Amino acid sequence: MAYAYRKQPIKALYLLFQLIALVVVRFPLWFVVNIPKSSRPRKSWSLKRAFMVNTLRKVMDMSAQAGSPVPTPDHTAISKGFGVKGVWVEPANELVTGDLKKWAEFADVTSVRIPGYWIHKRGTNIRTAAPAQPGEKVILQFHGGAYIRLSAHPRDPTANIAKGYVKEIESIQRVFSLEYRLASGAPFKPANPFPTQLIDALAGYNYLVNVIGFAPKNIFISGDSAGGNLAHALTRYLTEYQDSTEVKFPGPPGGLILLSPWIDLGTTNESLPDGSATKFIGTDYIGDRNGDALYAKAAFSGPHGLGMLETNPYISPGSLDPGLVVDFKKFPPTIIVAGGAEVLYDSIITLKERMARDLGDKLRYFEAPDGVHDFLIFGWHEPERTNALREINKWMQSFGVEKA
């Protein structure tokens, strides 16, 4: 059961016990066990990688049982700090139409003011929220965390992706990371179900176009894990309604970047015989070992119910359910990055094949054979991390993205 130790003082006692066991028992044991290459999850892994993946898996399990041990920035405030460039993003209810409007009304959610954070390339003197320069490109980034955890804040571990972008991508001087609202469900107070996050993402895109002044073709939407799910959903919405006569939409983005996207929130890929969901459980740090993934799905789907996750093209375009109808014919150039050791591998490959069918050579795919889920977050996951960032840089150049 997820969050069984969420209440104090049980939470503190549980975390203290787990921390002591981690340092005194598990660290030495993992070190000894993984000294022989034959004992590591993959023989090609270094001892350090095997150790780090074991540690991450245990930290994820602890978080699923007790919640975060420290407060995390969220949508209610701009969390300040040295060098933090936070801004407020205003609601964009006027852009909510069609099925999105129906889903929002059913779930009783609307667009609200939320924070976002700018991350700049080192050495630039761009002021926070400065107007876009002629021809300037920008990345709109959505963080991962199963829609229930983590943050867009520059101190969050997922911010390593945005920092990697401004370091390695020549045409990008700054990235905008949006603090979308996180979902929650029982045993906590239910809040922010689908399509809350898509509505927030739409507000972030509107901010870049109509406040900062970026041309839509110069915006690249990016997301990792659940953020990849959100990046896909926003792109689908913008392309499906770009010709709407009811609402004046900003145009579709110039490109889409999907990093280890959580692209099937249903169960079809999880139940594949010998599929990646079970085959790679020992090589990845995520996986539903304690009900955490089911909690995330229930919190995200909210009043819509878990059944919606199987066939909704906005939520599960990688689903194998025969009731799913999905295509990508209107999508912009896209690059997908995946790890060959991650539990989401099967659904990502399904997505890749479906996008390739519709996009042809507008789709680029990069796979790190020994990469774990969302490996671009981790500075120790080299050379895969840098190789992936450089591949994204090449991809952007190949589609005519000039240096800013």
Protein backbone atom coordinates (compact mmCIF):
# COMPACT_ATOMS: atom_id res chain seq x y z
CA MET A 1 0.00 0.00 0.00
CA ALA A 2 1.37 3.41 -1.00
CA TYR A 3 1.97 6.00 1.75
CA ALA A 4 1.36 3.56 4.61
CA TYR A 5 3.82 5.55 6.78
CA ARG A 6 2.73 9.06 5.81
CA LYS A 7 1.66 10.24 9.28
CA GLN A 8 3.96 11.53 12.01
CA PRO A 9 5.62 10.28 14.14
CA ILE A 10 5.51 6.98 12.20
CA LYS A 11 6.92 8.71 9.12
CA ALA A 12 9.99 10.02 10.94
CA LEU A 13 10.63 6.66 12.62
CA TYR A 14 10.23 4.79 9.34
CA LEU A 15 12.59 7.10 7.45
CA LEU A 16 15.17 7.01 10.26
CA PHE A 17 15.11 3.20 10.33
CA GLN A 18 15.41 2.99 6.55
CA LEU A 19 18.29 5.48 6.51
CA ILE A 20 20.21 3.52 9.14
CA ALA A 21 19.57 0.25 7.29
CA LEU A 22 20.68 1.86 4.04
CA VAL A 23 24.03 3.02 5.43
CA VAL A 24 24.79 0.12 7.75
CA VAL A 25 23.44 -2.85 5.78
CA ARG A 26 22.42 -2.13 2.20
CA PHE A 27 25.35 0.03 1.03
CA PRO A 28 28.01 -2.51 2.09
CA LEU A 29 25.93 -5.40 0.76
CA TRP A 30 25.34 -3.80 -2.64
CA PHE A 31 29.01 -2.96 -2.93
CA VAL A 32 30.13 -6.51 -2.22
CA VAL A 33 27.45 -8.19 -4.33
CA ASN A 34 28.15 -6.02 -7.36
CA ILE A 35 31.94 -6.33 -7.38
CA PRO A 36 31.77 -9.27 -9.85
CA LYS A 37 30.46 -8.01 -13.20
CA SER A 38 28.39 -11.17 -13.53
CA SER A 39 26.36 -10.13 -10.46
CA ARG A 40 25.42 -6.69 -11.73
CA PRO A 41 21.99 -6.08 -13.31
CA ARG A 42 23.88 -5.68 -16.59
CA LYS A 43 27.44 -6.90 -17.08
CA SER A 44 28.23 -3.77 -19.08
CA TRP A 45 27.39 -1.56 -16.09
CA SER A 46 30.09 -0.11 -13.89
CA LEU A 47 30.09 -0.87 -10.18
CA LYS A 48 29.09 2.76 -9.58
CA ARG A 49 26.05 2.52 -11.85
CA ALA A 50 24.84 -0.70 -10.27
CA PHE A 51 25.24 0.88 -6.84
CA MET A 52 23.43 4.10 -7.83
CA VAL A 53 20.48 2.29 -9.41
CA ASN A 54 20.04 0.18 -6.27
CA THR A 55 20.14 3.34 -4.16
CA LEU A 56 17.64 5.15 -6.36
CA ARG A 57 15.26 2.20 -6.25
CA LYS A 58 15.33 2.18 -2.47
CA VAL A 59 14.83 5.95 -2.25
CA MET A 60 11.82 5.65 -4.58
CA ASP A 61 10.38 2.89 -2.42
CA MET A 62 10.83 4.99 0.71
CA SER A 63 9.15 7.95 -0.93
CA ALA A 64 6.22 5.77 -1.99
CA GLN A 65 5.73 4.60 1.60
CA ALA A 66 6.24 7.87 3.48
CA GLY A 67 6.22 10.73 0.99
CA SER A 68 8.97 13.28 0.51
CA PRO A 69 11.14 13.79 3.60
CA VAL A 70 11.49 17.51 2.81
CA PRO A 71 9.05 20.13 1.48
CA THR A 72 9.03 20.46 -2.30
CA PRO A 73 8.26 23.68 -4.23
CA ASP A 74 4.81 23.61 -5.81
CA HIS A 75 2.36 25.73 -7.77
CA THR A 76 1.23 27.83 -4.79
CA ALA A 77 4.32 30.05 -4.61
CA ILE A 78 7.55 31.00 -6.33
CA SER A 79 10.26 29.35 -4.28
CA LYS A 80 13.11 31.82 -4.16
CA GLY A 81 16.83 31.21 -3.96
CA PHE A 82 20.16 32.43 -5.28
CA GLY A 83 19.98 32.76 -9.05
CA VAL A 84 16.34 31.58 -9.21
CA LYS A 85 14.43 33.33 -11.99
CA GLY A 86 10.79 32.70 -11.12
CA VAL A 87 7.76 34.35 -12.74
CA TRP A 88 4.00 34.04 -12.56
CA VAL A 89 2.04 32.64 -15.50
CA GLU A 90 -1.51 33.92 -15.82
CA PRO A 91 -4.54 31.68 -16.52
CA ALA A 92 -5.56 30.89 -20.09
CA ASN A 93 -9.16 29.74 -19.74
CA GLU A 94 -10.01 31.38 -23.06
CA LEU A 95 -7.94 28.71 -24.84
CA VAL A 96 -9.80 25.76 -23.30
CA THR A 97 -12.24 24.32 -25.81
CA GLY A 98 -13.50 21.10 -27.38
CA ASP A 99 -12.91 17.86 -25.50
CA LEU A 100 -10.52 19.62 -23.14
CA LYS A 101 -13.34 21.89 -22.00
CA LYS A 102 -15.66 18.91 -21.45
CA TRP A 103 -13.02 17.03 -19.43
CA ALA A 104 -12.27 20.14 -17.36
CA GLU A 105 -15.92 20.78 -16.58
CA PHE A 106 -16.44 17.15 -15.57
CA ALA A 107 -13.41 17.26 -13.24
CA ASP A 108 -14.29 20.79 -12.06
CA VAL A 109 -10.89 22.29 -12.87
CA THR A 110 -9.98 25.63 -14.44
CA SER A 111 -6.84 27.50 -15.39
CA VAL A 112 -5.17 29.34 -12.49
CA ARG A 113 -2.06 31.44 -11.95
CA ILE A 114 1.02 29.20 -11.60
CA PRO A 115 4.78 29.74 -11.37
CA GLY A 116 7.46 29.03 -13.93
CA TYR A 117 11.24 29.21 -13.82
CA TRP A 118 13.72 30.47 -16.39
CA ILE A 119 17.09 28.75 -16.71
CA HIS A 120 19.69 30.63 -18.76
CA LYS A 121 22.84 29.57 -20.55
CA ARG A 122 25.89 30.40 -18.48
CA GLY A 123 27.53 33.66 -19.55
CA THR A 124 24.42 35.23 -21.05
CA ASN A 125 23.10 38.54 -19.74
CA ILE A 126 19.44 38.04 -20.60
CA ARG A 127 17.21 39.49 -17.90
CA THR A 128 14.44 37.36 -16.45
CA ALA A 129 11.41 37.16 -18.77
CA ALA A 130 13.04 39.40 -21.36
CA PRO A 131 11.11 39.66 -24.66
CA ALA A 132 12.09 37.14 -27.33
CA GLN A 133 14.73 38.30 -29.76
CA PRO A 134 14.08 37.96 -33.52
CA GLY A 135 14.52 34.30 -34.46
CA GLU A 136 15.28 33.21 -30.87
CA LYS A 137 14.48 29.60 -30.02
CA VAL A 138 13.25 28.43 -26.61
CA ILE A 139 12.41 25.13 -24.91
CA LEU A 140 9.27 24.77 -22.79
CA GLN A 141 10.11 21.98 -20.33
CA PHE A 142 7.78 19.81 -18.24
CA HIS A 143 9.30 17.79 -15.40
CA GLY A 144 8.61 14.15 -14.61
CA GLY A 145 7.42 12.57 -11.38
CA ALA A 146 4.33 10.50 -12.33
CA TYR A 147 2.19 13.67 -12.08
CA ILE A 148 2.36 13.41 -8.26
CA ARG A 149 5.85 14.58 -7.25
CA LEU A 150 8.92 16.69 -8.09
CA SER A 151 9.04 20.27 -9.30
CA ALA A 152 10.03 22.71 -12.04
CA HIS A 153 12.27 24.55 -9.58
CA PRO A 154 15.97 24.84 -10.55
CA ARG A 155 16.96 22.97 -7.35
CA ASP A 156 14.87 19.93 -8.30
CA PRO A 157 16.80 16.91 -9.69
CA THR A 158 14.82 17.07 -12.94
CA ALA A 159 16.22 20.57 -13.57
CA ASN A 160 19.41 18.84 -14.70
CA ILE A 161 17.64 18.35 -18.02
CA ALA A 162 17.06 22.07 -18.56
CA LYS A 163 20.61 22.78 -17.43
CA GLY A 164 21.86 20.19 -19.89
CA TYR A 165 19.87 21.83 -22.67
CA VAL A 166 21.39 25.27 -22.20
CA LYS A 167 24.86 23.75 -21.93
CA GLU A 168 24.80 21.43 -24.93
CA ILE A 169 22.25 22.88 -27.39
CA GLU A 170 23.88 25.68 -29.32
CA SER A 171 20.68 27.39 -30.44
CA ILE A 172 19.13 27.54 -26.96
CA GLN A 173 19.95 30.44 -24.66
CA ARG A 174 17.20 29.79 -22.11
CA VAL A 175 14.64 27.19 -21.06
CA PHE A 176 11.29 27.83 -19.40
CA SER A 177 10.19 25.15 -16.91
CA LEU A 178 6.55 25.24 -15.81
CA GLU A 179 5.37 24.43 -12.27
CA TYR A 180 2.17 22.63 -13.22
CA ARG A 181 -0.20 21.46 -10.50
CA LEU A 182 0.40 17.96 -9.12
CA ALA A 183 -2.39 15.43 -8.71
CA SER A 184 -3.27 13.78 -5.42
CA GLY A 185 -5.75 11.16 -4.27
CA ALA A 186 -6.73 9.00 -1.31
CA PRO A 187 -5.38 8.68 1.34
CA PHE A 188 -4.65 12.39 0.73
CA LYS A 189 -7.22 14.98 -0.29
CA PRO A 190 -8.02 14.42 -3.98
CA ALA A 191 -6.91 17.38 -6.10
CA ASN A 192 -5.83 18.40 -9.59
CA PRO A 193 -6.94 15.42 -11.72
CA PHE A 194 -6.68 15.32 -15.51
CA PRO A 195 -6.86 17.63 -17.41
CA THR A 196 -5.44 20.09 -14.83
CA GLN A 197 -1.86 19.62 -15.99
CA LEU A 198 -2.75 20.04 -19.67
CA ILE A 199 -4.59 23.27 -18.88
CA ASP A 200 -1.51 24.52 -17.01
CA ALA A 201 0.75 23.51 -19.89
CA LEU A 202 -1.48 25.47 -22.27
CA ALA A 203 -1.11 28.54 -20.05
CA GLY A 204 2.68 28.13 -20.14
CA TYR A 205 2.69 27.95 -23.92
CA ASN A 206 0.40 30.99 -24.15
CA TYR A 207 2.80 32.86 -21.84
CA LEU A 208 5.74 32.23 -24.15
CA VAL A 209 3.80 33.30 -27.25
CA ASN A 210 1.63 36.19 -26.07
CA VAL A 211 3.65 37.59 -23.17
CA ILE A 212 7.28 36.94 -24.03
CA GLY A 213 6.71 37.10 -27.77
CA PHE A 214 8.14 33.84 -29.12
CA ALA A 215 6.90 32.72 -32.51
CA PRO A 216 5.27 29.28 -32.09
CA LYS A 217 7.64 27.80 -34.68
CA ASN A 218 10.53 28.78 -32.40
CA ILE A 219 9.14 26.94 -29.36
CA PHE A 220 10.25 23.36 -28.71
CA ILE A 221 8.06 21.51 -26.22
CA SER A 222 9.96 19.03 -24.06
CA GLY A 223 9.17 16.69 -21.20
CA ASP A 224 10.67 13.78 -19.30
CA SER A 225 8.67 10.79 -18.01
CA ALA A 226 5.22 12.13 -16.99
CA GLY A 227 6.41 15.47 -18.36
CA GLY A 228 6.84 13.70 -21.70
CA ASN A 229 3.25 12.58 -21.46
CA LEU A 230 2.25 16.20 -20.85
CA ALA A 231 4.46 17.52 -23.67
CA HIS A 232 2.78 15.09 -26.06
CA ALA A 233 -0.71 16.03 -24.83
CA LEU A 234 -0.09 19.75 -25.26
CA THR A 235 1.31 19.22 -28.74
CA ARG A 236 -1.70 17.09 -29.67
CA TYR A 237 -4.08 19.78 -28.42
CA LEU A 238 -2.30 22.60 -30.24
CA THR A 239 -2.20 20.70 -33.52
CA GLU A 240 -5.77 19.40 -33.34
CA TYR A 241 -7.27 22.82 -32.68
CA GLN A 242 -4.88 25.03 -34.66
CA ASP A 243 -7.63 25.77 -37.20
CA SER A 244 -10.38 26.35 -34.65
CA THR A 245 -12.88 29.07 -35.50
CA GLU A 246 -14.15 29.30 -31.93
CA VAL A 247 -10.84 30.14 -30.27
CA LYS A 248 -7.84 32.08 -31.58
CA PHE A 249 -5.01 29.64 -30.89
CA PRO A 250 -1.30 30.27 -30.98
CA GLY A 251 0.18 28.11 -33.72
CA PRO A 252 1.69 24.66 -33.10
CA PRO A 253 5.28 24.37 -31.83
CA GLY A 254 8.36 23.95 -33.96
CA GLY A 255 9.30 20.62 -32.45
CA LEU A 256 8.69 18.05 -29.71
CA ILE A 257 11.27 16.40 -27.43
CA LEU A 258 10.18 13.28 -25.52
CA LEU A 259 12.57 11.89 -22.90
CA SER A 260 11.65 8.45 -21.52
CA PRO A 261 8.00 9.44 -21.90
CA TRP A 262 5.36 7.77 -19.71
CA ILE A 263 3.19 7.27 -22.72
CA ASP A 264 0.82 4.50 -21.62
CA LEU A 265 -0.89 5.07 -18.28
CA GLY A 266 -3.07 2.03 -18.86
CA THR A 267 -2.25 -1.63 -18.31
CA THR A 268 -1.75 -3.12 -21.77
CA ASN A 269 2.04 -2.81 -21.89
CA GLU A 270 2.42 -3.83 -18.26
CA SER A 271 0.71 -7.15 -18.92
CA LEU A 272 2.85 -8.20 -21.90
CA PRO A 273 4.42 -11.65 -21.37
CA ASP A 274 8.14 -11.12 -20.84
CA GLY A 275 7.62 -7.40 -21.49
CA SER A 276 9.91 -4.62 -20.33
CA ALA A 277 7.64 -3.86 -17.35
CA THR A 278 8.76 -7.13 -15.79
CA LYS A 279 11.93 -7.98 -17.71
CA PHE A 280 13.66 -4.72 -16.78
CA ILE A 281 12.38 -4.36 -13.22
CA GLY A 282 15.85 -5.37 -12.04
CA THR A 283 17.65 -2.83 -14.22
CA ASP A 284 15.47 0.18 -13.50
CA TYR A 285 14.68 2.16 -10.37
CA ILE A 286 10.99 2.65 -11.12
CA GLY A 287 8.28 0.00 -11.22
CA ASP A 288 5.10 -0.67 -9.30
CA ARG A 289 6.56 -2.67 -6.43
CA ASN A 290 4.44 -1.05 -3.71
CA GLY A 291 1.34 0.44 -5.33
CA ASP A 292 2.94 3.80 -6.09
CA ALA A 293 2.21 3.69 -9.82
CA LEU A 294 -1.40 2.67 -9.19
CA TYR A 295 -1.76 5.55 -6.73
CA ALA A 296 -0.39 7.97 -9.36
CA LYS A 297 -2.79 6.69 -11.99
CA ALA A 298 -5.79 6.92 -9.66
CA ALA A 299 -4.85 10.43 -8.53
CA PHE A 300 -4.33 11.60 -12.12
CA SER A 301 -7.52 10.06 -13.54
CA GLY A 302 -9.61 11.24 -10.58
CA PRO A 303 -13.35 11.28 -11.31
CA HIS A 304 -12.79 10.11 -14.90
CA GLY A 305 -11.83 6.65 -13.62
CA LEU A 306 -8.95 4.36 -14.50
CA GLY A 307 -10.72 3.13 -17.63
CA MET A 308 -10.05 6.46 -19.35
CA LEU A 309 -6.32 5.75 -19.20
CA GLU A 310 -6.59 2.83 -21.60
CA THR A 311 -7.95 4.53 -24.73
CA ASN A 312 -7.60 8.31 -24.42
CA PRO A 313 -5.14 9.43 -27.14
CA TYR A 314 -4.03 12.41 -25.03
CA ILE A 315 -3.07 10.16 -22.12
CA SER A 316 -1.99 6.81 -23.57
CA PRO A 317 -0.92 7.06 -27.23
CA GLY A 318 1.37 4.08 -26.58
CA SER A 319 -1.46 1.86 -25.37
CA LEU A 320 -2.09 -1.50 -27.06
CA ASP A 321 -5.81 -1.40 -26.30
CA PRO A 322 -7.76 -2.11 -29.52
CA GLY A 323 -10.15 0.70 -28.62
CA LEU A 324 -7.46 3.37 -28.98
CA VAL A 325 -7.66 5.56 -32.09
CA VAL A 326 -4.59 7.75 -32.51
CA ASP A 327 -2.45 9.32 -35.21
CA PHE A 328 0.35 11.90 -35.41
CA LYS A 329 -0.18 13.32 -38.89
CA LYS A 330 -0.26 16.95 -37.72
CA PHE A 331 2.66 16.66 -35.29
CA PRO A 332 5.83 18.73 -35.72
CA PRO A 333 9.34 17.20 -36.00
CA THR A 334 9.91 15.02 -32.95
CA ILE A 335 12.81 13.33 -31.21
CA ILE A 336 12.31 10.47 -28.76
CA VAL A 337 15.02 9.47 -26.26
CA ALA A 338 14.77 6.14 -24.43
CA GLY A 339 16.85 3.90 -22.22
CA GLY A 340 17.25 0.28 -23.22
CA ALA A 341 17.07 -0.82 -19.58
CA GLU A 342 13.88 0.99 -18.55
CA VAL A 343 10.54 -0.57 -17.68
CA LEU A 344 8.68 1.80 -20.04
CA TYR A 345 10.67 0.57 -23.04
CA ASP A 346 7.87 -1.39 -24.75
CA SER A 347 5.39 1.48 -24.72
CA ILE A 348 8.04 3.91 -25.99
CA ILE A 349 8.85 1.60 -28.89
CA THR A 350 5.14 1.36 -29.71
CA LEU A 351 4.96 5.16 -29.73
CA LYS A 352 8.06 5.39 -31.92
CA GLU A 353 6.61 2.99 -34.50
CA ARG A 354 3.29 4.84 -34.61
CA MET A 355 4.94 8.24 -34.97
CA ALA A 356 7.33 6.94 -37.64
CA ARG A 357 4.33 5.75 -39.65
CA ASP A 358 2.89 9.27 -39.76
CA LEU A 359 5.98 11.50 -39.52
CA GLY A 360 8.52 9.61 -41.60
CA ASP A 361 11.90 11.33 -41.53
CA LYS A 362 10.50 14.05 -39.25
CA LEU A 363 10.96 11.57 -36.40
CA ARG A 364 14.35 10.98 -34.77
CA TYR A 365 14.96 8.25 -32.21
CA PHE A 366 17.91 7.91 -29.84
CA GLU A 367 18.33 4.90 -27.60
CA ALA A 368 20.94 4.40 -24.89
CA PRO A 369 21.13 0.57 -24.70
CA ASP A 370 22.15 0.57 -21.03
CA GLY A 371 20.14 3.63 -20.02
CA VAL A 372 17.69 3.57 -17.12
CA HIS A 373 14.46 5.55 -17.01
CA ASP A 374 14.93 9.31 -17.41
CA PHE A 375 18.72 8.96 -17.42
CA LEU A 376 19.23 12.57 -18.51
CA ILE A 377 18.51 13.61 -14.92
CA PHE A 378 21.61 11.92 -13.56
CA GLY A 379 25.05 13.46 -13.91
CA TRP A 380 26.66 10.07 -13.23
CA HIS A 381 24.85 8.42 -16.14
CA GLU A 382 27.63 8.98 -18.65
CA PRO A 383 28.38 8.86 -21.51
CA GLU A 384 24.69 8.28 -22.33
CA ARG A 385 23.50 11.58 -20.89
CA THR A 386 25.89 13.78 -22.85
CA ASN A 387 25.47 11.69 -25.99
CA ALA A 388 21.69 12.14 -25.84
CA LEU A 389 21.95 15.90 -25.33
CA ARG A 390 24.34 16.19 -28.27
CA GLU A 391 22.00 14.11 -30.42
CA ILE A 392 19.19 16.53 -29.57
CA ASN A 393 21.48 19.39 -30.55
CA LYS A 394 22.19 17.73 -33.93
CA TRP A 395 18.49 17.10 -34.44
CA MET A 396 17.61 20.75 -33.88
CA GLN A 397 20.33 21.84 -36.30
CA SER A 398 19.15 19.35 -38.92
CA PHE A 399 15.73 21.00 -38.99
CA GLY A 400 17.21 24.38 -39.73
CA VAL A 401 17.47 25.74 -36.22
CA GLU A 402 20.16 28.37 -36.46
CA LYS A 403 22.25 29.57 -33.54
CA ALA A 404 20.55 32.25 -31.45
